[in-house]
N, C-alpha and C. Protein backbone atom coordinates (compact mmCIF):
# COMPACT_ATOMS: atom_id res chain seq x y z
N UNK A 1 -28.00 -46.76 -30.30
CA UNK A 1 -28.98 -45.78 -29.89
C UNK A 1 -28.39 -44.37 -30.06
N UNK A 2 -29.19 -43.47 -30.61
CA UNK A 2 -28.74 -42.09 -30.83
C UNK A 2 -28.71 -41.34 -29.51
N UNK A 3 -27.72 -40.47 -29.35
CA UNK A 3 -27.72 -39.63 -28.15
C UNK A 3 -28.88 -38.64 -28.22
N UNK A 4 -29.39 -38.19 -27.09
CA UNK A 4 -30.50 -37.23 -27.11
C UNK A 4 -30.10 -35.94 -27.82
N UNK A 5 -31.06 -35.37 -28.55
CA UNK A 5 -30.79 -34.12 -29.27
C UNK A 5 -30.62 -32.99 -28.28
N UNK A 6 -29.69 -32.13 -28.56
CA UNK A 6 -29.45 -30.95 -27.72
C UNK A 6 -29.39 -29.73 -28.63
N UNK A 7 -30.25 -28.73 -28.33
CA UNK A 7 -30.20 -27.48 -29.06
C UNK A 7 -28.86 -26.79 -28.79
N UNK A 8 -28.36 -26.04 -29.77
CA UNK A 8 -27.14 -25.25 -29.53
C UNK A 8 -27.38 -24.28 -28.37
N UNK A 9 -26.40 -24.15 -27.53
CA UNK A 9 -26.52 -23.33 -26.32
C UNK A 9 -26.90 -21.87 -26.63
N UNK A 10 -26.36 -21.31 -27.71
CA UNK A 10 -26.68 -19.91 -28.04
C UNK A 10 -28.15 -19.76 -28.44
N UNK A 11 -28.77 -20.81 -29.02
CA UNK A 11 -30.21 -20.73 -29.32
C UNK A 11 -31.03 -20.77 -28.03
N UNK A 12 -30.59 -21.56 -27.09
CA UNK A 12 -31.27 -21.62 -25.80
C UNK A 12 -31.17 -20.26 -25.11
N UNK A 13 -30.01 -19.65 -25.18
CA UNK A 13 -29.80 -18.33 -24.58
C UNK A 13 -30.70 -17.29 -25.25
N UNK A 14 -30.81 -17.33 -26.57
CA UNK A 14 -31.70 -16.38 -27.28
C UNK A 14 -33.15 -16.59 -26.87
N UNK A 15 -33.57 -17.83 -26.77
CA UNK A 15 -34.95 -18.11 -26.38
C UNK A 15 -35.23 -17.62 -24.95
N UNK A 16 -34.27 -17.83 -24.05
CA UNK A 16 -34.43 -17.34 -22.68
C UNK A 16 -34.51 -15.81 -22.65
N UNK A 17 -33.72 -15.15 -23.50
CA UNK A 17 -33.76 -13.69 -23.57
C UNK A 17 -35.14 -13.22 -24.05
N UNK A 18 -35.71 -13.93 -24.99
CA UNK A 18 -37.04 -13.62 -25.51
C UNK A 18 -38.07 -13.75 -24.39
N UNK A 19 -38.01 -14.86 -23.65
CA UNK A 19 -38.94 -15.07 -22.54
C UNK A 19 -38.75 -14.02 -21.45
N UNK A 20 -37.50 -13.65 -21.19
CA UNK A 20 -37.22 -12.63 -20.17
C UNK A 20 -37.78 -11.28 -20.59
N UNK A 21 -37.65 -10.95 -21.86
CA UNK A 21 -38.18 -9.68 -22.35
C UNK A 21 -39.70 -9.63 -22.19
N UNK A 22 -40.37 -10.75 -22.45
CA UNK A 22 -41.82 -10.81 -22.24
C UNK A 22 -42.16 -10.56 -20.77
N UNK A 23 -41.43 -11.23 -19.89
CA UNK A 23 -41.69 -11.07 -18.46
C UNK A 23 -41.43 -9.64 -18.01
N UNK A 24 -40.38 -9.02 -18.52
CA UNK A 24 -40.06 -7.64 -18.15
C UNK A 24 -41.09 -6.66 -18.70
N UNK A 25 -41.64 -6.95 -19.87
CA UNK A 25 -42.64 -6.06 -20.46
C UNK A 25 -43.87 -5.95 -19.55
N UNK A 26 -44.25 -7.04 -18.94
CA UNK A 26 -45.39 -7.03 -18.02
C UNK A 26 -45.12 -6.11 -16.83
N UNK A 27 -43.86 -6.05 -16.42
CA UNK A 27 -43.48 -5.27 -15.24
C UNK A 27 -42.96 -3.87 -15.57
N UNK A 28 -42.89 -3.52 -16.85
CA UNK A 28 -42.27 -2.26 -17.27
C UNK A 28 -42.94 -1.06 -16.58
N UNK A 29 -42.11 -0.22 -15.93
CA UNK A 29 -42.67 0.89 -15.17
C UNK A 29 -43.01 2.13 -16.02
N UNK A 30 -42.38 2.26 -17.17
CA UNK A 30 -42.58 3.47 -17.98
C UNK A 30 -42.82 3.10 -19.44
N UNK A 31 -43.36 4.06 -20.16
CA UNK A 31 -43.58 3.88 -21.60
C UNK A 31 -42.25 3.69 -22.33
N UNK A 32 -41.21 4.41 -21.90
CA UNK A 32 -39.89 4.28 -22.53
C UNK A 32 -39.34 2.86 -22.35
N UNK A 33 -39.51 2.31 -21.15
CA UNK A 33 -39.06 0.94 -20.90
C UNK A 33 -39.85 -0.04 -21.75
N UNK A 34 -41.14 0.19 -21.88
CA UNK A 34 -41.97 -0.68 -22.71
C UNK A 34 -41.54 -0.64 -24.17
N UNK A 35 -41.22 0.54 -24.65
CA UNK A 35 -40.78 0.68 -26.03
C UNK A 35 -39.49 -0.09 -26.28
N UNK A 36 -38.53 0.04 -25.37
CA UNK A 36 -37.26 -0.67 -25.52
C UNK A 36 -37.49 -2.19 -25.52
N UNK A 37 -38.37 -2.65 -24.65
CA UNK A 37 -38.65 -4.08 -24.59
C UNK A 37 -39.38 -4.56 -25.84
N UNK A 38 -40.28 -3.76 -26.35
CA UNK A 38 -40.97 -4.13 -27.60
C UNK A 38 -39.97 -4.27 -28.74
N UNK A 39 -39.00 -3.38 -28.79
CA UNK A 39 -37.97 -3.47 -29.82
C UNK A 39 -37.19 -4.78 -29.70
N UNK A 40 -36.87 -5.17 -28.45
CA UNK A 40 -36.19 -6.45 -28.24
C UNK A 40 -37.07 -7.61 -28.69
N UNK A 41 -38.35 -7.52 -28.38
CA UNK A 41 -39.26 -8.60 -28.76
C UNK A 41 -39.46 -8.70 -30.27
N UNK A 42 -39.22 -7.64 -30.97
CA UNK A 42 -39.29 -7.67 -32.43
C UNK A 42 -38.00 -8.28 -32.99
N UNK A 43 -36.87 -7.93 -32.42
CA UNK A 43 -35.58 -8.37 -32.94
C UNK A 43 -35.26 -9.83 -32.60
N UNK A 44 -35.56 -10.27 -31.40
CA UNK A 44 -35.16 -11.62 -30.97
C UNK A 44 -35.76 -12.74 -31.81
N UNK A 45 -37.05 -12.73 -32.11
CA UNK A 45 -37.58 -13.82 -32.94
C UNK A 45 -36.93 -13.88 -34.33
N UNK A 46 -36.63 -12.72 -34.89
CA UNK A 46 -35.95 -12.71 -36.19
C UNK A 46 -34.60 -13.38 -36.11
N UNK A 47 -33.88 -13.11 -35.04
CA UNK A 47 -32.58 -13.72 -34.82
C UNK A 47 -32.73 -15.23 -34.65
N UNK A 48 -33.73 -15.64 -33.90
CA UNK A 48 -33.98 -17.06 -33.69
C UNK A 48 -34.39 -17.76 -34.98
N UNK A 49 -35.34 -17.19 -35.68
CA UNK A 49 -35.91 -17.84 -36.86
C UNK A 49 -34.95 -17.91 -38.04
N UNK A 50 -34.03 -17.00 -38.13
CA UNK A 50 -33.10 -16.99 -39.26
C UNK A 50 -31.76 -17.63 -38.92
N UNK A 51 -31.66 -18.23 -37.76
CA UNK A 51 -30.41 -18.86 -37.34
C UNK A 51 -30.07 -20.04 -38.27
N UNK A 52 -28.79 -20.21 -38.61
CA UNK A 52 -28.40 -21.31 -39.51
C UNK A 52 -28.78 -22.71 -39.01
N UNK A 53 -28.97 -22.86 -37.72
CA UNK A 53 -29.37 -24.17 -37.18
C UNK A 53 -30.62 -24.71 -37.86
N UNK A 54 -31.55 -23.83 -38.21
CA UNK A 54 -32.83 -24.27 -38.77
C UNK A 54 -32.72 -24.74 -40.22
N UNK A 55 -31.57 -24.57 -40.84
CA UNK A 55 -31.41 -25.06 -42.21
C UNK A 55 -31.07 -26.54 -42.26
N UNK A 56 -30.73 -27.14 -41.12
CA UNK A 56 -30.43 -28.57 -41.06
C UNK A 56 -31.69 -29.37 -41.39
N UNK A 57 -31.56 -30.49 -42.09
CA UNK A 57 -32.72 -31.27 -42.50
C UNK A 57 -33.61 -31.74 -41.33
N UNK A 58 -33.01 -32.02 -40.18
CA UNK A 58 -33.81 -32.53 -39.07
C UNK A 58 -34.16 -31.46 -38.03
N UNK A 59 -33.91 -30.20 -38.35
CA UNK A 59 -34.19 -29.11 -37.42
C UNK A 59 -35.70 -28.89 -37.32
N UNK A 60 -36.16 -28.57 -36.13
CA UNK A 60 -37.59 -28.39 -35.92
C UNK A 60 -37.85 -27.47 -34.74
N UNK A 61 -38.97 -26.74 -34.80
CA UNK A 61 -39.41 -25.92 -33.66
C UNK A 61 -40.23 -26.76 -32.69
N UNK A 62 -40.47 -28.00 -33.04
CA UNK A 62 -41.37 -28.83 -32.23
C UNK A 62 -40.88 -28.99 -30.79
N UNK A 63 -39.59 -29.08 -30.60
CA UNK A 63 -39.03 -29.20 -29.26
C UNK A 63 -38.33 -27.90 -28.93
N UNK A 64 -39.06 -26.97 -28.38
CA UNK A 64 -38.48 -25.64 -28.12
C UNK A 64 -37.46 -25.72 -27.00
N UNK A 65 -36.44 -24.83 -27.05
CA UNK A 65 -35.40 -24.82 -26.02
C UNK A 65 -35.93 -24.43 -24.67
């Protein structure tokens, strides 16, 4: 029996950062804070999507971290 699949810890951390940025954007008190968070939300998915992990033949977004 195969051991359960585990995403690399750094990908889980990136995904959590993305979710945290979304949560913070809702609570952002100023336009400057919103702008900084929007920049993070633009950068984080690019980092996630271009990560070398996704080049593996069995890699999939189906089971998100």
